[in-house]
Amino acid sequence: MTNPDDSKPEENATPPPAPPAAADLENQREAGGGGVANILRRWHREDFLKRGSQALRVFGFVFSVLAFVIMASNQHGDWKDFDKYEEYRYVLAIAILSTLYTGLQSWKQFQEQSTGREIVPRQNAAIIDFFGDQVLSLTLD
């Protein structure tokens, strides 16, 4: 038997791993900049998109009203009288429809922006916007 007093420590033994450093739970930071900063950036981006969409709808409304007014007031007489042509009536009807559609969409967005409530649920509004835009684009072709 071996004497426990005469035992030599092993030279190849690895030291135990150091305990992990205490994490600072109150000042955690992610590589992306943090949760609150990302949320604020997202809110600003969504707000910018809403305002940009609203501005584009207003421009579309202004230009469709302008097209309607120009087409409706075009009276030259003789062979230049556009009331005699069926194509003119079609273009005038499309100007009226686009004015109504963009006017209603602009009103809806202003109403939602001012009250903070959605008039039409978001899923239904996306479908209505898509089909309304498709119908207008196809009639303008």
N, C-alpha and C. Protein backbone atom coordinates (compact mmCIF):
# COMPACT_ATOMS: atom_id res chain seq x y z
N MET A 1 0.82 -1.17 0.00
CA MET A 1 0.00 0.00 0.00
C MET A 1 0.86 1.23 0.00
N THR A 2 0.25 2.27 -0.44
CA THR A 2 1.00 3.52 -0.50
C THR A 2 0.62 4.38 0.68
N ASN A 3 1.53 5.13 1.07
CA ASN A 3 1.33 6.03 2.19
C ASN A 3 0.74 7.33 1.65
N PRO A 4 -0.40 7.81 2.17
CA PRO A 4 -0.99 9.05 1.65
C PRO A 4 -0.09 10.25 1.88
N ASP A 5 0.79 10.22 2.82
CA ASP A 5 1.67 11.37 3.04
C ASP A 5 2.75 11.46 1.98
N ASP A 6 3.09 10.37 1.36
CA ASP A 6 4.15 10.36 0.38
C ASP A 6 3.64 10.58 -1.05
N SER A 7 2.39 10.88 -1.25
CA SER A 7 1.85 11.04 -2.59
C SER A 7 2.32 12.34 -3.23
N LYS A 8 2.64 12.26 -4.48
CA LYS A 8 3.08 13.43 -5.23
C LYS A 8 1.90 13.98 -6.05
N PRO A 9 1.73 15.29 -6.13
CA PRO A 9 0.64 15.82 -6.96
C PRO A 9 0.96 15.60 -8.44
N GLU A 10 -0.07 15.40 -9.19
CA GLU A 10 0.12 15.19 -10.63
C GLU A 10 0.51 16.49 -11.30
N GLU A 11 1.49 16.41 -12.14
CA GLU A 11 2.00 17.60 -12.81
C GLU A 11 1.18 17.96 -14.04
N ASN A 12 0.49 17.03 -14.65
CA ASN A 12 -0.26 17.27 -15.88
C ASN A 12 -1.71 17.68 -15.62
N ALA A 13 -2.08 17.88 -14.42
CA ALA A 13 -3.48 18.21 -14.11
C ALA A 13 -3.77 19.64 -14.56
N THR A 14 -4.91 19.84 -15.18
CA THR A 14 -5.31 21.18 -15.62
C THR A 14 -6.07 21.86 -14.49
N PRO A 15 -5.86 23.15 -14.34
CA PRO A 15 -6.57 23.86 -13.28
C PRO A 15 -8.07 23.92 -13.61
N PRO A 16 -8.92 23.98 -12.62
CA PRO A 16 -10.36 24.06 -12.89
C PRO A 16 -10.68 25.37 -13.59
N PRO A 17 -11.72 25.36 -14.46
CA PRO A 17 -12.06 26.60 -15.18
C PRO A 17 -12.54 27.67 -14.21
N ALA A 18 -12.23 28.90 -14.60
CA ALA A 18 -12.64 30.05 -13.77
C ALA A 18 -14.14 30.20 -13.85
N PRO A 19 -14.78 30.63 -12.78
CA PRO A 19 -16.23 30.84 -12.84
C PRO A 19 -16.55 31.97 -13.81
N PRO A 20 -17.69 31.88 -14.48
CA PRO A 20 -18.04 32.96 -15.44
C PRO A 20 -18.18 34.29 -14.71
N ALA A 21 -17.81 35.33 -15.45
CA ALA A 21 -17.91 36.67 -14.88
C ALA A 21 -19.37 36.99 -14.60
N ALA A 22 -19.59 37.71 -13.55
CA ALA A 22 -20.96 38.08 -13.20
C ALA A 22 -21.52 39.00 -14.28
N ALA A 23 -22.66 38.63 -14.81
CA ALA A 23 -23.27 39.40 -15.88
C ALA A 23 -23.92 40.65 -15.30
N ASP A 24 -23.77 41.75 -16.04
CA ASP A 24 -24.39 43.00 -15.63
C ASP A 24 -25.80 43.01 -16.23
N LEU A 25 -26.77 42.60 -15.46
CA LEU A 25 -28.12 42.41 -15.97
C LEU A 25 -28.82 43.73 -16.28
N GLU A 26 -28.43 44.80 -15.65
CA GLU A 26 -29.12 46.07 -15.86
C GLU A 26 -28.59 46.83 -17.05
N ASN A 27 -27.39 46.55 -17.49
CA ASN A 27 -26.79 47.27 -18.61
C ASN A 27 -26.46 46.33 -19.75
N GLN A 28 -27.37 45.47 -20.11
CA GLN A 28 -27.14 44.55 -21.20
C GLN A 28 -27.26 45.29 -22.51
N ARG A 29 -26.41 44.92 -23.44
CA ARG A 29 -26.45 45.52 -24.78
C ARG A 29 -26.31 44.41 -25.80
N GLU A 30 -27.11 44.49 -26.82
CA GLU A 30 -27.00 43.53 -27.92
C GLU A 30 -26.09 44.14 -28.97
N ALA A 31 -25.65 43.32 -29.88
CA ALA A 31 -24.78 43.81 -30.94
C ALA A 31 -25.52 44.79 -31.85
N GLY A 32 -26.84 44.69 -31.96
CA GLY A 32 -27.62 45.54 -32.86
C GLY A 32 -27.97 46.89 -32.29
N GLY A 33 -27.66 47.20 -31.07
CA GLY A 33 -27.93 48.52 -30.53
C GLY A 33 -28.99 48.54 -29.45
N GLY A 34 -29.59 47.44 -29.12
CA GLY A 34 -30.54 47.42 -28.02
C GLY A 34 -31.97 47.34 -28.49
N GLY A 35 -32.82 46.90 -27.60
CA GLY A 35 -34.22 46.69 -27.92
C GLY A 35 -35.00 47.97 -28.09
N VAL A 36 -34.80 48.94 -27.18
CA VAL A 36 -35.58 50.18 -27.22
C VAL A 36 -35.22 50.99 -28.47
N ALA A 37 -33.94 51.05 -28.80
CA ALA A 37 -33.52 51.80 -29.98
C ALA A 37 -34.12 51.19 -31.25
N ASN A 38 -34.16 49.87 -31.32
CA ASN A 38 -34.75 49.21 -32.49
C ASN A 38 -36.24 49.48 -32.59
N ILE A 39 -36.92 49.47 -31.46
CA ILE A 39 -38.36 49.76 -31.46
C ILE A 39 -38.62 51.19 -31.90
N LEU A 40 -37.84 52.13 -31.40
CA LEU A 40 -38.02 53.54 -31.80
C LEU A 40 -37.74 53.73 -33.28
N ARG A 41 -36.68 53.07 -33.78
CA ARG A 41 -36.38 53.17 -35.21
C ARG A 41 -37.53 52.62 -36.04
N ARG A 42 -38.12 51.52 -35.59
CA ARG A 42 -39.24 50.93 -36.32
C ARG A 42 -40.44 51.86 -36.32
N TRP A 43 -40.73 52.46 -35.16
CA TRP A 43 -41.86 53.41 -35.10
C TRP A 43 -41.64 54.60 -36.03
N HIS A 44 -40.42 55.13 -36.05
CA HIS A 44 -40.14 56.26 -36.93
C HIS A 44 -40.27 55.85 -38.40
N ARG A 45 -39.81 54.64 -38.73
CA ARG A 45 -39.91 54.16 -40.11
C ARG A 45 -41.37 53.97 -40.51
N GLU A 46 -42.19 53.38 -39.62
CA GLU A 46 -43.61 53.20 -39.93
C GLU A 46 -44.32 54.54 -40.07
N ASP A 47 -43.98 55.49 -39.21
CA ASP A 47 -44.58 56.82 -39.29
C ASP A 47 -44.20 57.50 -40.60
N PHE A 48 -42.93 57.35 -40.99
CA PHE A 48 -42.46 57.93 -42.25
C PHE A 48 -43.20 57.31 -43.43
N LEU A 49 -43.39 55.99 -43.40
CA LEU A 49 -44.11 55.32 -44.49
C LEU A 49 -45.57 55.76 -44.56
N LYS A 50 -46.21 55.94 -43.40
CA LYS A 50 -47.60 56.40 -43.40
C LYS A 50 -47.71 57.80 -43.97
N ARG A 51 -46.81 58.68 -43.55
CA ARG A 51 -46.85 60.05 -44.06
C ARG A 51 -46.50 60.10 -45.54
N GLY A 52 -45.55 59.28 -45.96
CA GLY A 52 -45.19 59.23 -47.38
C GLY A 52 -46.34 58.72 -48.23
N SER A 53 -47.01 57.68 -47.75
CA SER A 53 -48.16 57.14 -48.46
C SER A 53 -49.28 58.18 -48.54
N GLN A 54 -49.46 58.89 -47.45
CA GLN A 54 -50.48 59.93 -47.41
C GLN A 54 -50.16 61.04 -48.40
N ALA A 55 -48.91 61.46 -48.46
CA ALA A 55 -48.51 62.52 -49.39
C ALA A 55 -48.70 62.06 -50.84
N LEU A 56 -48.35 60.82 -51.14
CA LEU A 56 -48.52 60.33 -52.51
C LEU A 56 -50.00 60.24 -52.88
N ARG A 57 -50.84 59.86 -51.94
CA ARG A 57 -52.29 59.82 -52.23
C ARG A 57 -52.82 61.22 -52.50
N VAL A 58 -52.35 62.21 -51.74
CA VAL A 58 -52.80 63.59 -51.95
C VAL A 58 -52.33 64.09 -53.33
N PHE A 59 -51.07 63.76 -53.69
CA PHE A 59 -50.61 64.15 -55.03
C PHE A 59 -51.43 63.47 -56.11
N GLY A 60 -51.76 62.20 -55.93
CA GLY A 60 -52.61 61.50 -56.89
C GLY A 60 -53.98 62.14 -57.00
N PHE A 61 -54.54 62.56 -55.85
CA PHE A 61 -55.84 63.23 -55.86
C PHE A 61 -55.78 64.56 -56.60
N VAL A 62 -54.74 65.34 -56.32
CA VAL A 62 -54.59 66.65 -56.98
C VAL A 62 -54.46 66.48 -58.49
N PHE A 63 -53.65 65.52 -58.92
CA PHE A 63 -53.47 65.33 -60.36
C PHE A 63 -54.72 64.75 -61.02
N SER A 64 -55.47 63.90 -60.32
CA SER A 64 -56.70 63.38 -60.92
C SER A 64 -57.77 64.47 -61.01
N VAL A 65 -57.84 65.35 -60.02
CA VAL A 65 -58.76 66.49 -60.11
C VAL A 65 -58.35 67.40 -61.26
N LEU A 66 -57.05 67.63 -61.39
CA LEU A 66 -56.55 68.46 -62.49
C LEU A 66 -56.90 67.84 -63.85
N ALA A 67 -56.72 66.52 -63.97
CA ALA A 67 -57.06 65.85 -65.23
C ALA A 67 -58.56 65.95 -65.51
N PHE A 68 -59.37 65.78 -64.47
CA PHE A 68 -60.81 65.88 -64.65
C PHE A 68 -61.22 67.28 -65.09
N VAL A 69 -60.67 68.29 -64.45
CA VAL A 69 -61.02 69.68 -64.80
C VAL A 69 -60.59 70.01 -66.22
N ILE A 70 -59.40 69.61 -66.59
CA ILE A 70 -58.91 69.91 -67.94
C ILE A 70 -59.76 69.20 -68.99
N MET A 71 -60.08 67.93 -68.75
CA MET A 71 -60.88 67.19 -69.72
C MET A 71 -62.32 67.71 -69.78
N ALA A 72 -62.88 68.09 -68.64
CA ALA A 72 -64.27 68.55 -68.64
C ALA A 72 -64.42 69.93 -69.25
N SER A 73 -63.40 70.76 -69.16
CA SER A 73 -63.51 72.13 -69.68
C SER A 73 -62.96 72.28 -71.09
N ASN A 74 -62.64 71.22 -71.75
CA ASN A 74 -62.05 71.28 -73.07
C ASN A 74 -63.16 71.43 -74.12
N GLN A 75 -63.49 72.66 -74.47
CA GLN A 75 -64.52 72.96 -75.46
C GLN A 75 -63.93 73.89 -76.52
N HIS A 76 -63.68 73.35 -77.71
CA HIS A 76 -63.11 74.16 -78.79
C HIS A 76 -64.09 74.42 -79.92
N GLY A 77 -65.07 73.58 -80.07
CA GLY A 77 -66.03 73.75 -81.16
C GLY A 77 -65.57 73.03 -82.41
N ASP A 78 -66.49 72.95 -83.37
CA ASP A 78 -66.26 72.33 -84.67
C ASP A 78 -65.77 70.89 -84.51
N TRP A 79 -64.79 70.47 -85.24
CA TRP A 79 -64.31 69.09 -85.18
C TRP A 79 -63.46 68.82 -83.94
N LYS A 80 -63.05 69.90 -83.25
CA LYS A 80 -62.26 69.74 -82.04
C LYS A 80 -63.12 69.52 -80.79
N ASP A 81 -64.42 69.48 -80.97
CA ASP A 81 -65.32 69.27 -79.84
C ASP A 81 -65.24 67.80 -79.41
N PHE A 82 -64.66 67.59 -78.26
CA PHE A 82 -64.38 66.23 -77.81
C PHE A 82 -65.64 65.49 -77.35
N ASP A 83 -66.75 66.17 -77.18
CA ASP A 83 -67.98 65.49 -76.78
C ASP A 83 -68.46 64.52 -77.86
N LYS A 84 -68.00 64.71 -79.08
CA LYS A 84 -68.43 63.84 -80.18
C LYS A 84 -67.71 62.50 -80.19
N TYR A 85 -66.65 62.38 -79.43
CA TYR A 85 -65.82 61.18 -79.48
C TYR A 85 -66.05 60.30 -78.25
N GLU A 86 -66.24 59.01 -78.51
CA GLU A 86 -66.48 58.07 -77.41
C GLU A 86 -65.24 57.91 -76.53
N GLU A 87 -64.05 58.01 -77.11
CA GLU A 87 -62.82 57.88 -76.34
C GLU A 87 -62.70 58.98 -75.29
N TYR A 88 -63.15 60.17 -75.67
CA TYR A 88 -63.11 61.29 -74.73
C TYR A 88 -63.99 61.01 -73.52
N ARG A 89 -65.17 60.45 -73.76
CA ARG A 89 -66.07 60.14 -72.65
C ARG A 89 -65.45 59.08 -71.74
N TYR A 90 -64.75 58.11 -72.33
CA TYR A 90 -64.07 57.09 -71.54
C TYR A 90 -63.00 57.72 -70.65
N VAL A 91 -62.19 58.59 -71.21
CA VAL A 91 -61.13 59.25 -70.44
C VAL A 91 -61.72 60.13 -69.34
N LEU A 92 -62.81 60.80 -69.63
CA LEU A 92 -63.47 61.63 -68.63
C LEU A 92 -64.04 60.76 -67.50
N ALA A 93 -64.62 59.62 -67.83
CA ALA A 93 -65.15 58.71 -66.81
C ALA A 93 -64.02 58.16 -65.94
N ILE A 94 -62.89 57.84 -66.53
CA ILE A 94 -61.75 57.35 -65.76
C ILE A 94 -61.22 58.45 -64.85
N ALA A 95 -61.20 59.68 -65.31
CA ALA A 95 -60.76 60.81 -64.47
C ALA A 95 -61.70 60.97 -63.28
N ILE A 96 -62.99 60.81 -63.51
CA ILE A 96 -63.96 60.91 -62.40
C ILE A 96 -63.74 59.79 -61.40
N LEU A 97 -63.58 58.55 -61.89
CA LEU A 97 -63.37 57.41 -61.00
C LEU A 97 -62.08 57.52 -60.20
N SER A 98 -61.01 57.95 -60.86
CA SER A 98 -59.74 58.07 -60.14
C SER A 98 -59.80 59.20 -59.12
N THR A 99 -60.52 60.27 -59.43
CA THR A 99 -60.69 61.36 -58.46
C THR A 99 -61.46 60.87 -57.23
N LEU A 100 -62.54 60.14 -57.46
CA LEU A 100 -63.31 59.61 -56.33
C LEU A 100 -62.50 58.63 -55.50
N TYR A 101 -61.81 57.70 -56.15
CA TYR A 101 -61.06 56.68 -55.43
C TYR A 101 -59.93 57.30 -54.61
N THR A 102 -59.12 58.15 -55.23
CA THR A 102 -58.00 58.74 -54.49
C THR A 102 -58.50 59.70 -53.42
N GLY A 103 -59.63 60.37 -53.68
CA GLY A 103 -60.19 61.25 -52.65
C GLY A 103 -60.65 60.47 -51.43
N LEU A 104 -61.32 59.34 -51.66
CA LEU A 104 -61.77 58.50 -50.54
C LEU A 104 -60.58 57.90 -49.79
N GLN A 105 -59.58 57.46 -50.51
CA GLN A 105 -58.40 56.89 -49.85
C GLN A 105 -57.66 57.95 -49.03
N SER A 106 -57.53 59.15 -49.58
CA SER A 106 -56.87 60.24 -48.84
C SER A 106 -57.66 60.59 -47.59
N TRP A 107 -58.98 60.68 -47.73
CA TRP A 107 -59.82 60.99 -46.56
C TRP A 107 -59.68 59.92 -45.49
N LYS A 108 -59.68 58.64 -45.93
CA LYS A 108 -59.55 57.53 -44.98
C LYS A 108 -58.22 57.62 -44.23
N GLN A 109 -57.14 57.90 -44.93
CA GLN A 109 -55.84 57.98 -44.26
C GLN A 109 -55.76 59.18 -43.32
N PHE A 110 -56.31 60.32 -43.73
CA PHE A 110 -56.32 61.49 -42.84
C PHE A 110 -57.17 61.20 -41.60
N GLN A 111 -58.30 60.56 -41.78
CA GLN A 111 -59.17 60.23 -40.66
C GLN A 111 -58.48 59.29 -39.69
N GLU A 112 -57.82 58.26 -40.22
CA GLU A 112 -57.12 57.32 -39.35
C GLU A 112 -55.94 57.98 -38.65
N GLN A 113 -55.26 58.88 -39.33
CA GLN A 113 -54.11 59.57 -38.74
C GLN A 113 -54.56 60.51 -37.62
N SER A 114 -55.68 61.19 -37.82
CA SER A 114 -56.12 62.17 -36.82
C SER A 114 -56.78 61.52 -35.61
N THR A 115 -57.54 60.44 -35.82
CA THR A 115 -58.22 59.81 -34.70
C THR A 115 -57.40 58.69 -34.06
N GLY A 116 -56.48 58.11 -34.80
CA GLY A 116 -55.69 57.00 -34.27
C GLY A 116 -56.41 55.67 -34.35
N ARG A 117 -57.61 55.64 -34.89
CA ARG A 117 -58.38 54.40 -35.04
C ARG A 117 -58.47 54.04 -36.51
N GLU A 118 -58.48 52.75 -36.78
CA GLU A 118 -58.63 52.28 -38.15
C GLU A 118 -60.10 52.20 -38.50
N ILE A 119 -60.48 52.79 -39.62
CA ILE A 119 -61.87 52.75 -40.09
C ILE A 119 -62.18 51.34 -40.59
N VAL A 120 -61.28 50.81 -41.39
CA VAL A 120 -61.41 49.47 -41.95
C VAL A 120 -60.29 48.62 -41.33
N PRO A 121 -60.57 47.39 -40.91
CA PRO A 121 -59.49 46.55 -40.37
C PRO A 121 -58.33 46.43 -41.35
N ARG A 122 -57.13 46.30 -40.82
CA ARG A 122 -55.91 46.35 -41.63
C ARG A 122 -55.89 45.30 -42.74
N GLN A 123 -56.34 44.07 -42.46
CA GLN A 123 -56.34 43.03 -43.48
C GLN A 123 -57.30 43.37 -44.61
N ASN A 124 -58.49 43.85 -44.27
CA ASN A 124 -59.46 44.22 -45.30
C ASN A 124 -58.98 45.45 -46.07
N ALA A 125 -58.35 46.40 -45.37
CA ALA A 125 -57.87 47.60 -46.04
C ALA A 125 -56.80 47.27 -47.07
N ALA A 126 -55.93 46.31 -46.75
CA ALA A 126 -54.89 45.91 -47.70
C ALA A 126 -55.50 45.30 -48.95
N ILE A 127 -56.51 44.49 -48.78
CA ILE A 127 -57.17 43.86 -49.93
C ILE A 127 -57.90 44.91 -50.76
N ILE A 128 -58.60 45.82 -50.10
CA ILE A 128 -59.33 46.88 -50.82
C ILE A 128 -58.35 47.77 -51.57
N ASP A 129 -57.26 48.16 -50.93
CA ASP A 129 -56.25 48.99 -51.59
C ASP A 129 -55.68 48.28 -52.81
N PHE A 130 -55.35 47.00 -52.65
CA PHE A 130 -54.76 46.26 -53.75
C PHE A 130 -55.70 46.19 -54.95
N PHE A 131 -56.94 45.77 -54.71
CA PHE A 131 -57.87 45.63 -55.82
C PHE A 131 -58.27 46.98 -56.41
N GLY A 132 -58.41 47.99 -55.57
CA GLY A 132 -58.72 49.33 -56.09
C GLY A 132 -57.60 49.86 -56.96
N ASP A 133 -56.36 49.68 -56.51
CA ASP A 133 -55.22 50.13 -57.32
C ASP A 133 -55.11 49.34 -58.61
N GLN A 134 -55.40 48.04 -58.55
CA GLN A 134 -55.35 47.22 -59.77
C GLN A 134 -56.42 47.66 -60.77
N VAL A 135 -57.62 47.92 -60.29
CA VAL A 135 -58.69 48.33 -61.20
C VAL A 135 -58.34 49.66 -61.85
N LEU A 136 -57.83 50.60 -61.04
CA LEU A 136 -57.45 51.90 -61.63
C LEU A 136 -56.31 51.76 -62.62
N SER A 137 -55.33 50.96 -62.31
CA SER A 137 -54.21 50.81 -63.24
C SER A 137 -54.65 50.14 -64.54
N LEU A 138 -55.56 49.19 -64.44
CA LEU A 138 -56.03 48.53 -65.65
C LEU A 138 -56.92 49.45 -66.49
N THR A 139 -57.70 50.30 -65.86
CA THR A 139 -58.56 51.21 -66.63
C THR A 139 -57.73 52.33 -67.24
N LEU A 140 -56.60 52.66 -66.64
CA LEU A 140 -55.76 53.72 -67.20
C LEU A 140 -54.91 53.24 -68.37
N ASP A 141 -54.80 51.91 -68.53
CA ASP A 141 -54.00 51.38 -69.65
C ASP A 141 -54.66 51.58 -70.93
